[in-house]
Amino acid sequence: MAHDQQDLPPLPGEAVENQMAHSKRNTSRAVFTSHERALAKSNWSTGSARLNRDSFLPFGSCGLCLGIAREPVACLHGDIFCHECALANLLAQKRDIKRTARVRRDAQQEAERIKAAEHEEDCERVVRDFETSQVGLPTTSKRGKPEIIPGELPSDALVLHPGGKNKFALDEKELSRIADEDRLKARQAIDDEKVVFPPSHPGD
């Protein structure tokens, strides 16, 4: 009879209780299963190391020179440093900040210089194209010109109304827009020429 009771399948409640007991006992083992080891490698790293007393600084050690702190000072986070090491580290940080600011300032000045040189080159190109068009020769800045469709007028065209007085007035915004368009056309023409005729290097 006892043998027959052992062969009977467990009740649902008993199966859940056995699984819960197994899960509780699973955390008390001293070794990892293959699944737990793979999970740890995926979440952390593949390397492993054993920490011992050599992995920690002795009490009262400096966090910079790793020696016993001389004239110890502490930061707001509780880290201990030598007074001399703390001052040297602060001075080094200030030097790095000044060097970074100087590099950023030089880069900004270089960008402004390049922008000013391009602006001057664009203005010279606009003047040269204007003088060429006055002589009657075709200009090289073909790109960027709007295509005029017969029967349609561009948005900036001056329309004359018969029987009335037409006032020609340009404000500062209109002049600035025209100047920007001319500089953009000149820059596109210069870029096209650089692509077609790349600048020659002295070593070539």
Protein backbone atom coordinates (compact mmCIF):
# COMPACT_ATOMS: atom_id res chain seq x y z
CA MET A 1 0.00 0.00 0.00
CA ALA A 2 2.84 2.34 0.81
CA HIS A 3 4.42 1.46 -2.50
CA ASP A 4 1.20 2.37 -4.31
CA GLN A 5 1.05 5.77 -2.58
CA GLN A 6 4.59 6.59 -3.74
CA ASP A 7 3.67 5.83 -7.36
CA LEU A 8 0.73 8.25 -7.31
CA PRO A 9 1.36 11.61 -9.05
CA PRO A 10 1.65 14.61 -6.71
CA LEU A 11 -1.27 16.93 -6.25
CA PRO A 12 -1.10 20.40 -7.87
CA GLY A 13 -0.58 22.11 -4.54
CA GLU A 14 2.22 19.74 -3.60
CA ALA A 15 3.98 20.35 -6.95
CA VAL A 16 3.91 24.14 -6.46
CA GLU A 17 5.19 23.75 -2.91
CA ASN A 18 8.03 21.52 -4.07
CA GLN A 19 9.00 24.02 -6.81
CA MET A 20 9.00 26.91 -4.34
CA ALA A 21 11.13 24.92 -1.94
CA HIS A 22 13.55 24.12 -4.76
CA SER A 23 13.79 27.79 -5.78
CA LYS A 24 14.49 28.78 -2.19
CA ARG A 25 17.21 26.17 -1.83
CA ASN A 26 18.67 27.14 -5.22
CA THR A 27 20.08 30.40 -3.84
CA SER A 28 21.96 28.70 -1.00
CA ARG A 29 24.34 26.73 -3.19
CA ALA A 30 28.02 27.66 -3.25
CA VAL A 31 28.44 27.02 -6.99
CA PHE A 32 26.79 28.54 -10.06
CA THR A 33 24.84 26.61 -12.64
CA SER A 34 25.65 27.00 -16.33
CA HIS A 35 22.59 29.21 -16.78
CA GLU A 36 23.56 31.46 -13.89
CA ARG A 37 27.14 31.67 -15.16
CA ALA A 38 25.96 32.64 -18.67
CA LEU A 39 23.58 35.20 -17.20
CA ALA A 40 26.37 36.76 -15.14
CA LYS A 41 28.66 36.94 -18.20
CA SER A 42 25.98 38.62 -20.30
CA ASN A 43 25.16 41.20 -17.62
CA TRP A 44 28.70 41.96 -16.49
CA SER A 45 31.89 40.88 -18.23
CA THR A 46 33.67 37.70 -19.19
CA GLY A 47 36.64 38.39 -16.95
CA SER A 48 36.67 37.48 -13.30
CA ALA A 49 38.94 38.32 -10.40
CA ARG A 50 39.08 37.48 -6.76
CA LEU A 51 39.17 40.44 -4.40
CA ASN A 52 41.39 40.16 -1.35
CA ARG A 53 42.98 42.55 1.09
CA ASP A 54 45.51 43.67 -1.54
CA SER A 55 42.65 44.99 -3.68
CA PHE A 56 41.75 47.68 -1.14
CA LEU A 57 43.76 50.61 0.15
CA PRO A 58 44.70 50.53 3.81
CA PHE A 59 42.77 52.83 6.08
CA GLY A 60 44.06 56.39 5.96
CA SER A 61 45.70 56.07 2.53
CA CYS A 62 45.75 58.89 -0.03
CA GLY A 63 43.50 58.36 -3.04
CA LEU A 64 46.09 59.95 -5.37
CA CYS A 65 49.54 58.74 -4.34
CA LEU A 66 48.14 55.56 -2.69
CA GLY A 67 50.44 56.05 0.28
CA ILE A 68 49.70 56.95 3.86
CA ALA A 69 48.11 60.40 3.78
CA ARG A 70 50.36 63.20 5.03
CA GLU A 71 48.46 66.17 6.44
CA PRO A 72 45.25 64.46 5.32
CA VAL A 73 42.34 66.40 3.89
CA ALA A 74 38.95 65.02 2.88
CA CYS A 75 36.46 65.97 0.18
CA LEU A 76 32.71 66.13 0.49
CA HIS A 77 32.42 62.46 -0.54
CA GLY A 78 34.71 61.31 2.27
CA ASP A 79 37.78 60.52 0.14
CA ILE A 80 41.11 61.18 1.87
CA PHE A 81 44.09 62.84 0.16
CA CYS A 82 47.42 64.28 1.11
CA HIS A 83 47.37 68.05 1.38
CA GLU A 84 50.19 68.35 -1.16
CA CYS A 85 48.61 65.83 -3.55
CA ALA A 86 45.26 67.63 -3.40
CA LEU A 87 46.85 71.01 -4.25
CA ALA A 88 48.91 69.49 -7.08
CA ASN A 89 45.81 67.81 -8.52
CA LEU A 90 43.81 71.04 -8.37
CA LEU A 91 46.59 72.95 -10.14
CA ALA A 92 46.80 70.25 -12.83
CA GLN A 93 43.04 70.44 -13.37
CA LYS A 94 43.22 74.24 -13.71
CA ARG A 95 46.01 73.91 -16.28
CA ASP A 96 43.94 71.40 -18.26
CA ILE A 97 40.92 73.71 -18.16
CA LYS A 98 43.00 76.65 -19.42
CA ARG A 99 44.54 74.53 -22.16
CA THR A 100 41.12 73.28 -23.28
CA ALA A 101 39.75 76.84 -23.30
CA ARG A 102 42.75 78.03 -25.34
CA VAL A 103 42.28 75.23 -27.89
CA ARG A 104 38.56 76.03 -28.15
CA ARG A 105 39.31 79.74 -28.59
CA ASP A 106 41.92 79.06 -31.29
CA ALA A 107 39.47 76.79 -33.13
CA GLN A 108 36.77 79.46 -32.96
CA GLN A 109 39.15 82.12 -34.28
CA GLU A 110 40.22 79.82 -37.11
CA ALA A 111 36.58 79.18 -38.03
CA GLU A 112 35.87 82.92 -38.02
CA ARG A 113 38.95 83.56 -40.17
CA ILE A 114 37.86 80.93 -42.71
CA LYS A 115 34.35 82.36 -42.75
CA ALA A 116 35.67 85.89 -43.30
CA ALA A 117 37.95 84.69 -46.12
CA GLU A 118 35.04 82.91 -47.82
CA HIS A 119 32.86 86.01 -47.43
CA GLU A 120 35.55 88.19 -49.01
CA GLU A 121 36.00 85.68 -51.84
CA ASP A 122 32.24 85.62 -52.44
CA CYS A 123 32.09 89.42 -52.58
CA GLU A 124 34.97 89.55 -55.05
CA ARG A 125 33.24 86.96 -57.20
CA VAL A 126 29.97 88.92 -57.17
CA VAL A 127 31.77 92.11 -58.23
CA ARG A 128 33.68 90.26 -60.97
CA ASP A 129 30.49 88.67 -62.31
CA PHE A 130 28.76 92.04 -62.27
CA GLU A 131 31.60 93.69 -64.19
CA THR A 132 31.63 90.80 -66.68
CA SER A 133 27.89 91.09 -67.24
CA GLN A 134 28.23 94.84 -67.81
CA VAL A 135 30.79 94.24 -70.55
CA GLY A 136 28.41 91.79 -72.20
CA LEU A 137 30.27 88.55 -71.58
CA PRO A 138 28.48 85.54 -70.07
CA THR A 139 29.16 84.97 -66.39
CA THR A 140 30.29 81.63 -65.02
CA SER A 141 27.75 81.57 -62.17
CA LYS A 142 25.04 79.78 -64.11
CA ARG A 143 24.06 77.58 -61.22
CA GLY A 144 21.50 78.94 -58.82
CA LYS A 145 19.67 81.14 -61.34
CA PRO A 146 15.92 80.54 -61.35
CA GLU A 147 14.53 79.31 -64.63
CA ILE A 148 12.04 81.82 -66.02
CA ILE A 149 9.02 80.13 -67.54
CA PRO A 150 7.23 82.07 -70.31
CA GLY A 151 4.12 83.69 -68.94
CA GLU A 152 5.38 83.64 -65.36
CA LEU A 153 7.37 86.21 -63.45
CA PRO A 154 9.79 85.64 -60.62
CA SER A 155 8.73 86.61 -57.13
CA ASP A 156 11.13 89.58 -56.99
CA ALA A 157 10.15 91.02 -60.39
CA LEU A 158 8.98 94.63 -60.53
CA VAL A 159 5.49 94.79 -62.03
CA LEU A 160 4.48 98.02 -63.79
CA HIS A 161 0.84 98.95 -63.63
CA PRO A 162 -0.30 101.28 -66.43
CA GLY A 163 -2.07 104.43 -65.44
CA GLY A 164 -0.49 104.68 -62.03
CA LYS A 165 2.70 105.75 -60.37
CA ASN A 166 5.05 102.91 -59.54
CA LYS A 167 7.14 103.44 -56.44
CA PHE A 168 10.43 101.60 -56.33
CA ALA A 169 11.35 101.02 -52.71
CA LEU A 170 13.82 98.60 -51.18
CA ASP A 171 14.08 98.07 -47.47
CA GLU A 172 17.00 96.67 -45.53
CA LYS A 173 15.55 93.16 -45.45
CA GLU A 174 15.19 93.09 -49.24
CA LEU A 175 18.73 94.34 -49.75
CA SER A 176 20.06 91.78 -47.29
CA ARG A 177 18.15 89.00 -49.04
CA ILE A 178 19.51 90.01 -52.46
CA ALA A 179 23.06 90.21 -51.11
CA ASP A 180 22.74 86.78 -49.50
CA GLU A 181 21.45 85.29 -52.75
CA ASP A 182 24.35 86.82 -54.69
CA ARG A 183 26.87 85.49 -52.19
CA LEU A 184 25.25 82.05 -52.32
CA LYS A 185 25.43 82.00 -56.12
CA ALA A 186 29.05 83.11 -56.02
CA ARG A 187 29.92 80.42 -53.45
CA GLN A 188 28.25 77.74 -55.59
CA ALA A 189 30.17 78.92 -58.64
CA ILE A 190 33.45 78.86 -56.71
CA ASP A 191 32.75 75.36 -55.41
CA ASP A 192 31.91 74.17 -58.93
CA GLU A 193 35.18 75.57 -60.24
CA LYS A 194 37.12 73.87 -57.46
CA VAL A 195 35.51 70.54 -58.39
CA VAL A 196 36.24 70.96 -62.11
CA PHE A 197 39.67 72.54 -61.66
CA PRO A 198 41.11 71.31 -58.34
CA PRO A 199 43.86 73.53 -56.92
CA SER A 200 47.35 72.37 -57.81
CA HIS A 201 49.78 71.60 -55.01
CA PRO A 202 53.39 72.82 -55.10
CA GLY A 203 54.68 69.25 -55.11
CA ASP A 204 52.67 68.26 -58.22
